[in-house]
Amino acid sequence: MKQHLTSTVRVEGKGETKAAAFSSALSQVQKTVLKSTDNILLRIEPQDVKVITAEEKITHEKFLFFFLPRERKSYYVALDITVNMTVINTEQVIFTKK
């Protein structure tokens, strides 16, 4: 009934800091795993993280084309995360009819 599975999911995240980009990507792991399986999840444990893409985008802005120049940075990461899952296989549960 209880099974241990290993899977790899790809998640992406954006943010104004490096930490925000990684946090955005890691917060999508549970949602992505839930979409990929029909079983009931008990535990999701990340085992390995591989960075596929890490990009920094710098844009220069000026107010009215001349005043107050500033530089804005945004970050993007794509990660492959290997997770160990503990699931309850609902196909193996026998339900009684009443």
PDB file of N, CA and C in Angstrom:
ATOM      1  N   MET A   1       0.833  -1.177   0.000  1.00  0.00           N
ATOM      2  CA  MET A   1       0.000   0.000   0.000  1.00  0.00           C
ATOM      3  C   MET A   1       0.887   1.253   0.000  1.00  0.00           C
ATOM      4  N   LYS A   2       1.811   1.347   0.931  1.00  0.00           N
ATOM      5  CA  LYS A   2       2.723   2.493   0.965  1.00  0.00           C
ATOM      6  C   LYS A   2       3.918   2.181   0.079  1.00  0.00           C
ATOM      7  N   GLN A   3       4.264   3.118  -0.811  1.00  0.00           N
ATOM      8  CA  GLN A   3       5.361   2.892  -1.745  1.00  0.00           C
ATOM      9  C   GLN A   3       6.330   4.071  -1.719  1.00  0.00           C
ATOM     10  N   HIS A   4       7.569   3.782  -2.088  1.00  0.00           N
ATOM     11  CA  HIS A   4       8.591   4.808  -2.229  1.00  0.00           C
ATOM     12  C   HIS A   4       8.926   4.924  -3.707  1.00  0.00           C
ATOM     13  N   LEU A   5       8.810   6.125  -4.253  1.00  0.00           N
ATOM     14  CA  LEU A   5       9.092   6.375  -5.659  1.00  0.00           C
ATOM     15  C   LEU A   5      10.142   7.474  -5.782  1.00  0.00           C
ATOM     16  N   THR A   6      10.886   7.440  -6.880  1.00  0.00           N
ATOM     17  CA  THR A   6      11.841   8.498  -7.182  1.00  0.00           C
ATOM     18  C   THR A   6      11.469   9.093  -8.531  1.00  0.00           C
ATOM     19  N   SER A   7      11.486  10.414  -8.603  1.00  0.00           N
ATOM     20  CA  SER A   7      11.103  11.104  -9.831  1.00  0.00           C
ATOM     21  C   SER A   7      11.947  12.365  -9.987  1.00  0.00           C
ATOM     22  N   THR A   8      12.025  12.848 -11.209  1.00  0.00           N
ATOM     23  CA  THR A   8      12.722  14.100 -11.492  1.00  0.00           C
ATOM     24  C   THR A   8      11.723  15.079 -12.097  1.00  0.00           C
ATOM     25  N   VAL A   9      11.673  16.290 -11.545  1.00  0.00           N
ATOM     26  CA  VAL A   9      10.761  17.317 -12.039  1.00  0.00           C
ATOM     27  C   VAL A   9      11.569  18.540 -12.446  1.00  0.00           C
ATOM     28  N   ARG A  10      11.081  19.244 -13.457  1.00  0.00           N
ATOM     29  CA  ARG A  10      11.719  20.488 -13.903  1.00  0.00           C
ATOM     30  C   ARG A  10      10.833  21.655 -13.499  1.00  0.00           C
ATOM     31  N   VAL A  11      11.433  22.608 -12.790  1.00  0.00           N
ATOM     32  CA  VAL A  11      10.705  23.784 -12.330  1.00  0.00           C
ATOM     33  C   VAL A  11      11.474  25.039 -12.741  1.00  0.00           C
ATOM     34  N   GLU A  12      10.745  26.154 -12.858  1.00  0.00           N
ATOM     35  CA  GLU A  12      11.334  27.424 -13.258  1.00  0.00           C
ATOM     36  C   GLU A  12      10.899  28.511 -12.298  1.00  0.00           C
ATOM     37  N   GLY A  13      11.753  29.511 -12.108  1.00  0.00           N
ATOM     38  CA  GLY A  13      11.412  30.605 -11.223  1.00  0.00           C
ATOM     39  C   GLY A  13      12.047  31.908 -11.660  1.00  0.00           C
ATOM     40  N   LYS A  14      11.376  33.009 -11.345  1.00  0.00           N
ATOM     41  CA  LYS A  14      11.867  34.352 -11.643  1.00  0.00           C
ATOM     42  C   LYS A  14      11.820  35.178 -10.373  1.00  0.00           C
ATOM     43  N   GLY A  15      12.708  36.168 -10.300  1.00  0.00           N
ATOM     44  CA  GLY A  15      12.690  37.059  -9.151  1.00  0.00           C
ATOM     45  C   GLY A  15      13.640  38.212  -9.317  1.00  0.00           C
ATOM     46  N   GLU A  16      13.538  39.193  -8.426  1.00  0.00           N
ATOM     47  CA  GLU A  16      14.399  40.368  -8.468  1.00  0.00           C
ATOM     48  C   GLU A  16      15.733  40.119  -7.791  1.00  0.00           C
ATOM     49  N   THR A  17      15.833  39.024  -6.995  1.00  0.00           N
ATOM     50  CA  THR A  17      17.098  38.618  -6.400  1.00  0.00           C
ATOM     51  C   THR A  17      17.323  37.145  -6.719  1.00  0.00           C
ATOM     52  N   LYS A  18      18.544  36.698  -6.503  1.00  0.00           N
ATOM     53  CA  LYS A  18      18.852  35.285  -6.765  1.00  0.00           C
ATOM     54  C   LYS A  18      18.036  34.383  -5.837  1.00  0.00           C
ATOM     55  N   ALA A  19      17.936  34.778  -4.579  1.00  0.00           N
ATOM     56  CA  ALA A  19      17.188  33.982  -3.603  1.00  0.00           C
ATOM     57  C   ALA A  19      15.705  33.914  -3.969  1.00  0.00           C
ATOM     58  N   ALA A  20      15.156  35.011  -4.462  1.00  0.00           N
ATOM     59  CA  ALA A  20      13.744  35.025  -4.842  1.00  0.00           C
ATOM     60  C   ALA A  20      13.491  34.124  -6.041  1.00  0.00           C
ATOM     61  N   ALA A  21      14.430  34.073  -6.978  1.00  0.00           N
ATOM     62  CA  ALA A  21      14.275  33.199  -8.142  1.00  0.00           C
ATOM     63  C   ALA A  21      14.313  31.732  -7.723  1.00  0.00           C
ATOM     64  N   PHE A  22      15.249  31.355  -6.857  1.00  0.00           N
ATOM     65  CA  PHE A  22      15.314  29.977  -6.383  1.00  0.00           C
ATOM     66  C   PHE A  22      14.095  29.630  -5.540  1.00  0.00           C
ATOM     67  N   SER A  23      13.650  30.546  -4.703  1.00  0.00           N
ATOM     68  CA  SER A  23      12.480  30.307  -3.871  1.00  0.00           C
ATOM     69  C   SER A  23      11.236  30.104  -4.727  1.00  0.00           C
ATOM     70  N   SER A  24      11.102  30.891  -5.777  1.00  0.00           N
ATOM     71  CA  SER A  24       9.965  30.758  -6.682  1.00  0.00           C
ATOM     72  C   SER A  24       9.975  29.401  -7.379  1.00  0.00           C
ATOM     73  N   ALA A  25      11.148  28.952  -7.776  1.00  0.00           N
ATOM     74  CA  ALA A  25      11.250  27.650  -8.437  1.00  0.00           C
ATOM     75  C   ALA A  25      10.960  26.508  -7.465  1.00  0.00           C
ATOM     76  N   LEU A  26      11.524  26.573  -6.268  1.00  0.00           N
ATOM     77  CA  LEU A  26      11.342  25.489  -5.297  1.00  0.00           C
ATOM     78  C   LEU A  26       9.908  25.401  -4.784  1.00  0.00           C
ATOM     79  N   SER A  27       9.193  26.507  -4.798  1.00  0.00           N
ATOM     80  CA  SER A  27       7.806  26.467  -4.331  1.00  0.00           C
ATOM     81  C   SER A  27       6.891  25.746  -5.325  1.00  0.00           C
ATOM     82  N   GLN A  28       7.347  25.523  -6.545  1.00  0.00           N
ATOM     83  CA  GLN A  28       6.546  24.845  -7.553  1.00  0.00           C
ATOM     84  C   GLN A  28       6.735  23.328  -7.560  1.00  0.00           C
ATOM     85  N   VAL A  29       7.647  22.808  -6.759  1.00  0.00           N
ATOM     86  CA  VAL A  29       7.936  21.371  -6.773  1.00  0.00           C
ATOM     87  C   VAL A  29       6.705  20.566  -6.382  1.00  0.00           C
ATOM     88  N   GLN A  30       6.054  20.915  -5.293  1.00  0.00           N
ATOM     89  CA  GLN A  30       4.904  20.152  -4.825  1.00  0.00           C
ATOM     90  C   GLN A  30       3.772  20.171  -5.849  1.00  0.00           C
ATOM     91  N   LYS A  31       3.498  21.315  -6.431  1.00  0.00           N
ATOM     92  CA  LYS A  31       2.428  21.427  -7.421  1.00  0.00           C
ATOM     93  C   LYS A  31       2.732  20.565  -8.652  1.00  0.00           C
ATOM     94  N   THR A  32       3.986  20.562  -9.089  1.00  0.00           N
ATOM     95  CA  THR A  32       4.377  19.776 -10.258  1.00  0.00           C
ATOM     96  C   THR A  32       4.287  18.286  -9.976  1.00  0.00           C
ATOM     97  N   VAL A  33       4.692  17.861  -8.790  1.00  0.00           N
ATOM     98  CA  VAL A  33       4.617  16.442  -8.420  1.00  0.00           C
ATOM     99  C   VAL A  33       3.165  15.997  -8.302  1.00  0.00           C
ATOM    100  N   LEU A  34       2.310  16.828  -7.730  1.00  0.00           N
ATOM    101  CA  LEU A  34       0.892  16.475  -7.595  1.00  0.00           C
ATOM    102  C   LEU A  34       0.220  16.286  -8.951  1.00  0.00           C
ATOM    103  N   LYS A  35       0.612  17.075  -9.956  1.00  0.00           N
ATOM    104  CA  LYS A  35       0.031  16.935 -11.289  1.00  0.00           C
ATOM    105  C   LYS A  35       0.469  15.645 -11.972  1.00  0.00           C
ATOM    106  N   SER A  36       1.658  15.150 -11.619  1.00  0.00           N
ATOM    107  CA  SER A  36       2.211  13.989 -12.320  1.00  0.00           C
ATOM    108  C   SER A  36       1.723  12.651 -11.771  1.00  0.00           C
ATOM    109  N   THR A  37       1.081  12.614 -10.625  1.00  0.00           N
ATOM    110  CA  THR A  37       0.666  11.342 -10.035  1.00  0.00           C
ATOM    111  C   THR A  37      -0.784  11.412  -9.568  1.00  0.00           C
ATOM    112  N   ASP A  38      -1.446  10.238  -9.562  1.00  0.00           N
ATOM    113  CA  ASP A  38      -2.819  10.148  -9.066  1.00  0.00           C
ATOM    114  C   ASP A  38      -2.873   9.606  -7.646  1.00  0.00           C
ATOM    115  N   ASN A  39      -1.723   9.226  -7.109  1.00  0.00           N
ATOM    116  CA  ASN A  39      -1.669   8.646  -5.771  1.00  0.00           C
ATOM    117  C   ASN A  39      -1.690   9.745  -4.710  1.00  0.00           C
ATOM    118  N   ILE A  40      -1.902   9.335  -3.461  1.00  0.00           N
ATOM    119  CA  ILE A  40      -1.908  10.251  -2.328  1.00  0.00           C
ATOM    120  C   ILE A  40      -0.471  10.408  -1.832  1.00  0.00           C
ATOM    121  N   LEU A  41       0.011  11.642  -1.794  1.00  0.00           N
ATOM    122  CA  LEU A  41       1.387  11.903  -1.376  1.00  0.00           C
ATOM    123  C   LEU A  41       1.469  12.063   0.136  1.00  0.00           C
ATOM    124  N   LEU A  42       2.385  11.336   0.748  1.00  0.00           N
ATOM    125  CA  LEU A  42       2.632  11.482   2.176  1.00  0.00           C
ATOM    126  C   LEU A  42       3.846  12.363   2.440  1.00  0.00           C
ATOM    127  N   ARG A  43       4.888  12.187   1.612  1.00  0.00           N
ATOM    128  CA  ARG A  43       6.123  12.927   1.831  1.00  0.00           C
ATOM    129  C   ARG A  43       6.837  13.153   0.505  1.00  0.00           C
ATOM    130  N   ILE A  44       7.405  14.355   0.353  1.00  0.00           N
ATOM    131  CA  ILE A  44       8.237  14.687  -0.803  1.00  0.00           C
ATOM    132  C   ILE A  44       9.583  15.160  -0.255  1.00  0.00           C
ATOM    133  N   GLU A  45      10.657  14.449  -0.603  1.00  0.00           N
ATOM    134  CA  GLU A  45      11.990  14.807  -0.134  1.00  0.00           C
ATOM    135  C   GLU A  45      12.897  15.097  -1.321  1.00  0.00           C
ATOM    136  N   PRO A  46      13.380  16.326  -1.453  1.00  0.00           N
ATOM    137  CA  PRO A  46      14.334  16.608  -2.524  1.00  0.00           C
ATOM    138  C   PRO A  46      15.671  15.910  -2.238  1.00  0.00           C
ATOM    139  N   GLN A  47      16.236  15.258  -3.239  1.00  0.00           N
ATOM    140  CA  GLN A  47      17.504  14.555  -3.075  1.00  0.00           C
ATOM    141  C   GLN A  47      18.648  15.235  -3.816  1.00  0.00           C
ATOM    142  N   ASP A  48      18.365  15.786  -4.994  1.00  0.00           N
ATOM    143  CA  ASP A  48      19.410  16.394  -5.801  1.00  0.00           C
ATOM    144  C   ASP A  48      18.825  17.561  -6.588  1.00  0.00           C
ATOM    145  N   VAL A  49      19.611  18.609  -6.748  1.00  0.00           N
ATOM    146  CA  VAL A  49      19.193  19.784  -7.515  1.00  0.00           C
ATOM    147  C   VAL A  49      20.261  20.060  -8.566  1.00  0.00           C
ATOM    148  N   LYS A  50      19.831  20.142  -9.821  1.00  0.00           N
ATOM    149  CA  LYS A  50      20.747  20.492 -10.905  1.00  0.00           C
ATOM    150  C   LYS A  50      20.250  21.779 -11.554  1.00  0.00           C
ATOM    151  N   VAL A  51      21.137  22.723 -11.726  1.00  0.00           N
ATOM    152  CA  VAL A  51      20.790  23.980 -12.370  1.00  0.00           C
ATOM    153  C   VAL A  51      20.913  23.789 -13.875  1.00  0.00           C
ATOM    154  N   ILE A  52      19.810  23.925 -14.573  1.00  0.00           N
ATOM    155  CA  ILE A  52      19.791  23.797 -16.032  1.00  0.00           C
ATOM    156  C   ILE A  52      20.121  25.137 -16.676  1.00  0.00           C
ATOM    157  N   THR A  53      19.436  26.185 -16.238  1.00  0.00           N
ATOM    158  CA  THR A  53      19.645  27.529 -16.774  1.00  0.00           C
ATOM    159  C   THR A  53      19.617  28.526 -15.628  1.00  0.00           C
ATOM    160  N   ALA A  54      20.582  29.436 -15.636  1.00  0.00           N
ATOM    161  CA  ALA A  54      20.599  30.536 -14.667  1.00  0.00           C
ATOM    162  C   ALA A  54      20.948  31.798 -15.442  1.00  0.00           C
ATOM    163  N   GLU A  55      20.008  32.734 -15.491  1.00  0.00           N
ATOM    164  CA  GLU A  55      20.188  33.948 -16.289  1.00  0.00           C
ATOM    165  C   GLU A  55      19.989  35.188 -15.425  1.00  0.00           C
ATOM    166  N   GLU A  56      20.790  36.198 -15.708  1.00  0.00           N
ATOM    167  CA  GLU A  56      20.654  37.500 -15.068  1.00  0.00           C
ATOM    168  C   GLU A  56      20.376  38.516 -16.172  1.00  0.00           C
ATOM    169  N   LYS A  57      19.315  39.282 -16.014  1.00  0.00           N
ATOM    170  CA  LYS A  57      18.938  40.281 -17.010  1.00  0.00           C
ATOM    171  C   LYS A  57      19.070  41.665 -16.380  1.00  0.00           C
ATOM    172  N   ILE A  58      19.839  42.526 -17.024  1.00  0.00           N
ATOM    173  CA  ILE A  58      20.061  43.879 -16.525  1.00  0.00           C
ATOM    174  C   ILE A  58      19.423  44.863 -17.502  1.00  0.00           C
ATOM    175  N   THR A  59      18.561  45.726 -16.974  1.00  0.00           N
ATOM    176  CA  THR A  59      17.942  46.765 -17.797  1.00  0.00           C
ATOM    177  C   THR A  59      18.284  48.127 -17.202  1.00  0.00           C
ATOM    178  N   HIS A  60      18.516  49.088 -18.077  1.00  0.00           N
ATOM    179  CA  HIS A  60      18.823  50.451 -17.649  1.00  0.00           C
ATOM    180  C   HIS A  60      17.595  51.316 -17.884  1.00  0.00           C
ATOM    181  N   GLU A  61      17.219  52.056 -16.859  1.00  0.00           N
ATOM    182  CA  GLU A  61      16.036  52.910 -16.931  1.00  0.00           C
ATOM    183  C   GLU A  61      16.426  54.349 -16.621  1.00  0.00           C
ATOM    184  N   LYS A  62      15.719  55.271 -17.269  1.00  0.00           N
ATOM    185  CA  LYS A  62      15.897  56.694 -16.970  1.00  0.00           C
ATOM    186  C   LYS A  62      14.530  57.360 -16.968  1.00  0.00           C
ATOM    187  N   PHE A  63      14.350  58.272 -16.033  1.00  0.00           N
ATOM    188  CA  PHE A  63      13.105  59.019 -15.948  1.00  0.00           C
ATOM    189  C   PHE A  63      13.143  60.136 -16.984  1.00  0.00           C
ATOM    190  N   LEU A  64      12.139  60.184 -17.857  1.00  0.00           N
ATOM    191  CA  LEU A  64      12.074  61.155 -18.951  1.00  0.00           C
ATOM    192  C   LEU A  64      13.328  61.133 -19.815  1.00  0.00           C
ATOM    193  N   PHE A  65      13.861  59.964 -20.035  1.00  0.00           N
ATOM    194  CA  PHE A  65      15.008  59.685 -20.898  1.00  0.00           C
ATOM    195  C   PHE A  65      16.330  60.305 -20.446  1.00  0.00           C
ATOM    196  N   PHE A  66      16.344  61.141 -19.410  1.00  0.00           N
ATOM    197  CA  PHE A  66      17.573  61.792 -18.984  1.00  0.00           C
ATOM    198  C   PHE A  66      17.833  61.696 -17.481  1.00  0.00           C
ATOM    199  N   PHE A  67      16.780  61.774 -16.682  1.00  0.00           N
ATOM    200  CA  PHE A  67      16.934  61.943 -15.244  1.00  0.00           C
ATOM    201  C   PHE A  67      16.905  60.606 -14.497  1.00  0.00           C
ATOM    202  N   LEU A  68      17.547  60.587 -13.365  1.00  0.00           N
ATOM    203  CA  LEU A  68      17.550  59.462 -12.423  1.00  0.00           C
ATOM    204  C   LEU A  68      17.837  58.109 -13.098  1.00  0.00           C
ATOM    205  N   PRO A  69      19.002  57.953 -13.677  1.00  0.00           N
ATOM    206  CA  PRO A  69      19.306  56.648 -14.283  1.00  0.00           C
ATOM    207  C   PRO A  69      19.484  55.582 -13.200  1.00  0.00           C
ATOM    208  N   ARG A  70      19.015  54.387 -13.499  1.00  0.00           N
ATOM    209  CA  ARG A  70      19.204  53.272 -12.559  1.00  0.00           C
ATOM    210  C   ARG A  70      19.287  51.971 -13.344  1.00  0.00           C
ATOM    211  N   GLU A  71      19.774  50.990 -12.660  1.00  0.00           N
ATOM    212  CA  GLU A  71      19.972  49.668 -13.248  1.00  0.00           C
ATOM    213  C   GLU A  71      19.102  48.672 -12.490  1.00  0.00           C
ATOM    214  N   ARG A  72      18.266  47.931 -13.205  1.00  0.00           N
ATOM    215  CA  ARG A  72      17.404  46.925 -12.575  1.00  0.00           C
ATOM    216  C   ARG A  72      17.870  45.552 -13.005  1.00  0.00           C
ATOM    217  N   LYS A  73      17.888  44.626 -12.061  1.00  0.00           N
ATOM    218  CA  LYS A  73      18.306  43.258 -12.338  1.00  0.00           C
ATOM    219  C   LYS A  73      17.140  42.317 -12.078  1.00  0.00           C
ATOM    220  N   SER A  74      17.024  41.312 -12.915  1.00  0.00           N
ATOM    221  CA  SER A  74      16.059  40.243 -12.679  1.00  0.00           C
ATOM    222  C   SER A  74      16.759  38.927 -12.977  1.00  0.00           C
ATOM    223  N   TYR A  75      16.345  37.898 -12.268  1.00  0.00           N
ATOM    224  CA  TYR A  75      16.993  36.592 -12.359  1.00  0.00           C
ATOM    225  C   TYR A  75      15.981  35.533 -12.771  1.00  0.00           C
ATOM    226  N   TYR A  76      16.469  34.534 -13.498  1.00  0.00           N
ATOM    227  CA  TYR A  76      15.650  33.405 -13.963  1.00  0.00           C
ATOM    228  C   TYR A  76      16.458  32.133 -13.764  1.00  0.00           C
ATOM    229  N   VAL A  77      15.842  31.094 -13.195  1.00  0.00           N
ATOM    230  CA  VAL A  77      16.496  29.794 -13.039  1.00  0.00           C
ATOM    231  C   VAL A  77      15.554  28.678 -13.492  1.00  0.00           C
ATOM    232  N   ALA A  78      16.140  27.658 -14.081  1.00  0.00           N
ATOM    233  CA  ALA A  78      15.425  26.424 -14.402  1.00  0.00           C
ATOM    234  C   ALA A  78      16.191  25.304 -13.710  1.00  0.00           C
ATOM    235  N   LEU A  79      15.479  24.497 -12.937  1.00  0.00           N
ATOM    236  CA  LEU A  79      16.107  23.462 -12.114  1.00  0.00           C
ATOM    237  C   LEU A  79      15.510  22.096 -12.410  1.00  0.00           C
ATOM    238  N   ASP A  80      16.359  21.062 -12.403  1.00  0.00           N
ATOM    239  CA  ASP A  80      15.907  19.675 -12.381  1.00  0.00           C
ATOM    240  C   ASP A  80      16.099  19.179 -10.961  1.00  0.00           C
ATOM    241  N   ILE A  81      15.006  18.785 -10.325  1.00  0.00           N
ATOM    242  CA  ILE A  81      15.055  18.350  -8.927  1.00  0.00           C
ATOM    243  C   ILE A  81      14.646  16.888  -8.859  1.00  0.00           C
ATOM    244  N   THR A  82      15.524  16.066  -8.291  1.00  0.00           N
ATOM    245  CA  THR A  82      15.226  14.662  -8.063  1.00  0.00           C
ATOM    246  C   THR A  82      14.597  14.544  -6.674  1.00  0.00           C
ATOM    247  N   VAL A  83      13.400  13.952  -6.612  1.00  0.00           N
ATOM    248  CA  VAL A  83      12.680  13.847  -5.341  1.00  0.00           C
ATOM    249  C   VAL A  83      12.352  12.383  -5.040  1.00  0.00           C
ATOM    250  N   ASN A  84      12.420  12.048  -3.763  1.00  0.00           N
ATOM    251  CA  ASN A  84      11.915  10.766  -3.273  1.00  0.00           C
ATOM    252  C   ASN A  84      10.530  11.036  -2.707  1.00  0.00           C
ATOM    253  N   MET A  85       9.568  10.208  -3.122  1.00  0.00           N
ATOM    254  CA  MET A  85       8.199  10.393  -2.673  1.00  0.00           C
ATOM    255  C   MET A  85       7.725   9.154  -1.932  1.00  0.00           C
ATOM    256  N   THR A  86       7.003   9.367  -0.876  1.00  0.00           N
ATOM    257  CA  THR A  86       6.297   8.299  -0.193  1.00  0.00           C
ATOM    258  C   THR A  86       4.822   8.499  -0.509  1.00  0.00           C
ATOM    259  N   VAL A  87       4.211   7.485  -1.134  1.00  0.00           N
ATOM    260  CA  VAL A  87       2.826   7.620  -1.594  1.00  0.00           C
ATOM    261  C   VAL A  87       1.995   6.450  -1.093  1.00  0.00           C
ATOM    262  N   ILE A  88       0.695   6.675  -1.060  1.00  0.00           N
ATOM    263  CA  ILE A  88      -0.267   5.603  -0.821  1.00  0.00           C
ATOM    264  C   ILE A  88      -0.908   5.291  -2.157  1.00  0.00           C
ATOM    265  N   ASN A  89      -0.743   4.059  -2.597  1.00  0.00           N
ATOM    266  CA  ASN A  89      -1.316   3.647  -3.874  1.00  0.00           C
ATOM    267  C   ASN A  89      -2.792   3.335  -3.660  1.00  0.00           C
ATOM    268  N   THR A  90      -3.663   4.160  -4.208  1.00  0.00           N
ATOM    269  CA  THR A  90      -5.098   4.001  -4.000  1.00  0.00           C
ATOM    270  C   THR A  90      -5.672   2.806  -4.755  1.00  0.00           C
ATOM    271  N   GLU A  91      -4.937   2.288  -5.741  1.00  0.00           N
ATOM    272  CA  GLU A  91      -5.403   1.118  -6.487  1.00  0.00           C
ATOM    273  C   GLU A  91      -5.325  -0.151  -5.636  1.00  0.00           C
ATOM    274  N   GLN A  92      -4.438  -0.172  -4.652  1.00  0.00           N
ATOM    275  CA  GLN A  92      -4.270  -1.363  -3.813  1.00  0.00           C
ATOM    276  C   GLN A  92      -5.202  -1.375  -2.604  1.00  0.00           C
ATOM    277  N   VAL A  93      -5.896  -0.296  -2.351  1.00  0.00           N
ATOM    278  CA  VAL A  93      -6.828  -0.223  -1.206  1.00  0.00           C
ATOM    279  C   VAL A  93      -8.141  -0.872  -1.610  1.00  0.00           C
ATOM    280  N   ILE A  94      -8.607  -1.786  -0.784  1.00  0.00           N
ATOM    281  CA  ILE A  94      -9.862  -2.485  -1.065  1.00  0.00           C
ATOM    282  C   ILE A  94     -10.978  -1.797  -0.291  1.00  0.00           C
ATOM    283  N   PHE A  95     -11.966  -1.311  -1.007  1.00  0.00           N
ATOM    284  CA  PHE A  95     -13.108  -0.650  -0.393  1.00  0.00           C
ATOM    285  C   PHE A  95     -14.259  -1.646  -0.312  1.00  0.00           C
ATOM    286  N   THR A  96     -14.982  -1.619   0.808  1.00  0.00           N
ATOM    287  CA  THR A  96     -16.148  -2.480   0.968  1.00  0.00           C
ATOM    288  C   THR A  96     -17.387  -1.703   0.521  1.00  0.00           C
ATOM    289  N   LYS A  97     -18.306  -2.444  -0.044  1.00  0.00           N
ATOM    290  CA  LYS A  97     -19.541  -1.815  -0.528  1.00  0.00           C
ATOM    291  C   LYS A  97     -20.618  -1.985   0.518  1.00  0.00           C
ATOM    292  N   LYS A  98     -21.411  -0.950   0.721  1.00  0.00           N
ATOM    293  CA  LYS A  98     -22.507  -1.013   1.687  1.00  0.00           C
ATOM    294  C   LYS A  98     -23.778  -0.596   1.001  1.00  0.00           C
TER     295      LYS A  98
END
